[in-house]
């Protein structure tokens, strides 16, 4: 039987600060790998956060709500499906060994 050590990350991200959240994620992955984890798991929406105020606000005509929703979208990661560098590259560089 093959055993795999899994680490579950639960400390909070930096809400609406993508660069800091990516930095924290990379650090958590490095730390978990040092402790022997082969797989590191983050909660759904951990990287960008899940601010309840942001959802449903985009369609409102309230300018403050629209600015907040736009800020959330601006702070969301962008992936390069062509294989180039993107917002999650620092996390992928920290990938733990293959299971």
C-alpha atoms as a PDB file:
ATOM      1  CA  UNK A   1       0.000   0.000   0.000  1.00  0.00           C
ATOM      2  CA  UNK A   2       1.324   3.422  -0.975  1.00  0.00           C
ATOM      3  CA  UNK A   3       0.910   6.175   1.591  1.00  0.00           C
ATOM      4  CA  UNK A   4       0.641   9.826   0.671  1.00  0.00           C
ATOM      5  CA  UNK A   5       0.992  12.662   3.149  1.00  0.00           C
ATOM      6  CA  UNK A   6      -1.505  15.438   2.510  1.00  0.00           C
ATOM      7  CA  UNK A   7      -1.311  18.919   4.032  1.00  0.00           C
ATOM      8  CA  UNK A   8      -4.431  21.063   4.345  1.00  0.00           C
ATOM      9  CA  UNK A   9      -3.794  24.819   4.351  1.00  0.00           C
ATOM     10  CA  UNK A  10      -6.204  26.788   6.522  1.00  0.00           C
ATOM     11  CA  UNK A  11      -4.542  30.131   7.400  1.00  0.00           C
ATOM     12  CA  UNK A  12      -6.303  33.052   5.694  1.00  0.00           C
ATOM     13  CA  UNK A  13      -5.189  34.526   2.380  1.00  0.00           C
ATOM     14  CA  UNK A  14      -4.577  38.229   1.961  1.00  0.00           C
ATOM     15  CA  UNK A  15      -8.038  39.290   0.838  1.00  0.00           C
ATOM     16  CA  UNK A  16      -7.950  41.186  -2.479  1.00  0.00           C
ATOM     17  CA  UNK A  17      -4.132  41.113  -2.554  1.00  0.00           C
ATOM     18  CA  UNK A  18      -3.303  38.507  -5.184  1.00  0.00           C
ATOM     19  CA  UNK A  19       0.472  38.935  -5.023  1.00  0.00           C
ATOM     20  CA  UNK A  20       0.549  38.492  -1.246  1.00  0.00           C
ATOM     21  CA  UNK A  21      -1.825  35.508  -1.379  1.00  0.00           C
ATOM     22  CA  UNK A  22       0.373  33.838  -4.027  1.00  0.00           C
ATOM     23  CA  UNK A  23       3.433  34.534  -1.857  1.00  0.00           C
ATOM     24  CA  UNK A  24       1.675  32.974   1.155  1.00  0.00           C
ATOM     25  CA  UNK A  25       0.560  29.951  -0.895  1.00  0.00           C
ATOM     26  CA  UNK A  26       4.109  29.344  -2.128  1.00  0.00           C
ATOM     27  CA  UNK A  27       5.374  29.553   1.445  1.00  0.00           C
ATOM     28  CA  UNK A  28       2.735  27.121   2.714  1.00  0.00           C
ATOM     29  CA  UNK A  29       3.628  24.662  -0.059  1.00  0.00           C
ATOM     30  CA  UNK A  30       7.337  24.894   0.754  1.00  0.00           C
ATOM     31  CA  UNK A  31       6.675  24.387   4.463  1.00  0.00           C
ATOM     32  CA  UNK A  32       4.357  21.434   3.856  1.00  0.00           C
ATOM     33  CA  UNK A  33       6.887  19.790   1.531  1.00  0.00           C
ATOM     34  CA  UNK A  34       9.581  20.169   4.204  1.00  0.00           C
ATOM     35  CA  UNK A  35       7.241  18.358   6.582  1.00  0.00           C
ATOM     36  CA  UNK A  36       6.857  15.499   4.091  1.00  0.00           C
ATOM     37  CA  UNK A  37       3.626  16.398   2.283  1.00  0.00           C
ATOM     38  CA  UNK A  38       3.265  15.116  -1.260  1.00  0.00           C
ATOM     39  CA  UNK A  39      -0.017  16.945  -1.801  1.00  0.00           C
ATOM     40  CA  UNK A  40      -1.022  20.374  -0.497  1.00  0.00           C
ATOM     41  CA  UNK A  41      -4.716  21.281  -0.478  1.00  0.00           C
ATOM     42  CA  UNK A  42      -6.200  24.772  -0.196  1.00  0.00           C
ATOM     43  CA  UNK A  43      -9.906  25.487   0.419  1.00  0.00           C
ATOM     44  CA  UNK A  44     -12.027  26.503  -2.545  1.00  0.00           C
ATOM     45  CA  UNK A  45     -11.562  30.195  -3.399  1.00  0.00           C
ATOM     46  CA  UNK A  46      -8.669  30.438  -0.902  1.00  0.00           C
ATOM     47  CA  UNK A  47      -6.412  32.370  -3.250  1.00  0.00           C
ATOM     48  CA  UNK A  48      -8.822  35.183  -4.028  1.00  0.00           C
ATOM     49  CA  UNK A  49     -10.979  34.906  -0.953  1.00  0.00           C
ATOM     50  CA  UNK A  50     -14.737  34.796  -1.006  1.00  0.00           C
ATOM     51  CA  UNK A  51     -16.032  38.160   0.141  1.00  0.00           C
ATOM     52  CA  UNK A  52     -19.797  37.778   0.468  1.00  0.00           C
ATOM     53  CA  UNK A  53     -20.301  41.441  -0.410  1.00  0.00           C
ATOM     54  CA  UNK A  54     -18.820  40.978  -3.887  1.00  0.00           C
ATOM     55  CA  UNK A  55     -21.349  38.577  -5.335  1.00  0.00           C
ATOM     56  CA  UNK A  56     -24.502  40.078  -6.691  1.00  0.00           C
ATOM     57  CA  UNK A  57     -22.999  43.548  -6.634  1.00  0.00           C
ATOM     58  CA  UNK A  58     -21.870  43.782 -10.239  1.00  0.00           C
ATOM     59  CA  UNK A  59     -25.372  44.238 -11.594  1.00  0.00           C
ATOM     60  CA  UNK A  60     -26.355  46.862  -9.058  1.00  0.00           C
ATOM     61  CA  UNK A  61     -26.310  50.461 -10.163  1.00  0.00           C
ATOM     62  CA  UNK A  62     -24.527  51.462  -6.978  1.00  0.00           C
ATOM     63  CA  UNK A  63     -21.097  52.839  -7.967  1.00  0.00           C
ATOM     64  CA  UNK A  64     -19.445  51.685  -4.737  1.00  0.00           C
ATOM     65  CA  UNK A  65     -20.732  48.147  -5.261  1.00  0.00           C
ATOM     66  CA  UNK A  66     -19.518  48.188  -8.859  1.00  0.00           C
ATOM     67  CA  UNK A  67     -16.052  49.431  -7.808  1.00  0.00           C
ATOM     68  CA  UNK A  68     -15.767  46.708  -5.160  1.00  0.00           C
ATOM     69  CA  UNK A  69     -16.788  44.022  -7.613  1.00  0.00           C
ATOM     70  CA  UNK A  70     -14.337  45.368 -10.214  1.00  0.00           C
ATOM     71  CA  UNK A  71     -11.571  45.301  -7.587  1.00  0.00           C
ATOM     72  CA  UNK A  72     -12.290  41.635  -6.871  1.00  0.00           C
ATOM     73  CA  UNK A  73     -12.101  40.822 -10.593  1.00  0.00           C
ATOM     74  CA  UNK A  74      -8.867  42.797 -10.999  1.00  0.00           C
ATOM     75  CA  UNK A  75      -7.314  40.869  -8.093  1.00  0.00           C
ATOM     76  CA  UNK A  76      -8.232  37.436  -9.485  1.00  0.00           C
ATOM     77  CA  UNK A  77      -5.442  35.302 -10.965  1.00  0.00           C
ATOM     78  CA  UNK A  78      -4.895  35.119 -14.711  1.00  0.00           C
ATOM     79  CA  UNK A  79      -3.599  31.894 -16.227  1.00  0.00           C
ATOM     80  CA  UNK A  80      -1.617  31.603 -19.438  1.00  0.00           C
ATOM     81  CA  UNK A  81      -2.880  28.489 -21.181  1.00  0.00           C
ATOM     82  CA  UNK A  82      -0.138  28.858 -23.805  1.00  0.00           C
ATOM     83  CA  UNK A  83       2.472  27.794 -21.245  1.00  0.00           C
ATOM     84  CA  UNK A  84       3.885  31.216 -20.479  1.00  0.00           C
ATOM     85  CA  UNK A  85       4.270  32.903 -17.129  1.00  0.00           C
ATOM     86  CA  UNK A  86       1.114  33.907 -15.260  1.00  0.00           C
ATOM     87  CA  UNK A  87      -0.107  34.871 -11.786  1.00  0.00           C
ATOM     88  CA  UNK A  88       0.217  31.313 -10.420  1.00  0.00           C
ATOM     89  CA  UNK A  89       3.756  30.638 -11.667  1.00  0.00           C
ATOM     90  CA  UNK A  90       5.271  31.170  -8.174  1.00  0.00           C
ATOM     91  CA  UNK A  91       2.929  28.515  -6.793  1.00  0.00           C
ATOM     92  CA  UNK A  92       3.734  26.022  -9.558  1.00  0.00           C
ATOM     93  CA  UNK A  93       7.454  26.528  -8.992  1.00  0.00           C
ATOM     94  CA  UNK A  94       6.915  25.359  -5.417  1.00  0.00           C
ATOM     95  CA  UNK A  95       5.169  22.149  -6.498  1.00  0.00           C
ATOM     96  CA  UNK A  96       6.018  19.207  -4.300  1.00  0.00           C
ATOM     97  CA  UNK A  97       7.293  15.942  -5.751  1.00  0.00           C
ATOM     98  CA  UNK A  98       5.066  13.801  -7.950  1.00  0.00           C
ATOM     99  CA  UNK A  99       3.027  11.164  -6.121  1.00  0.00           C
END
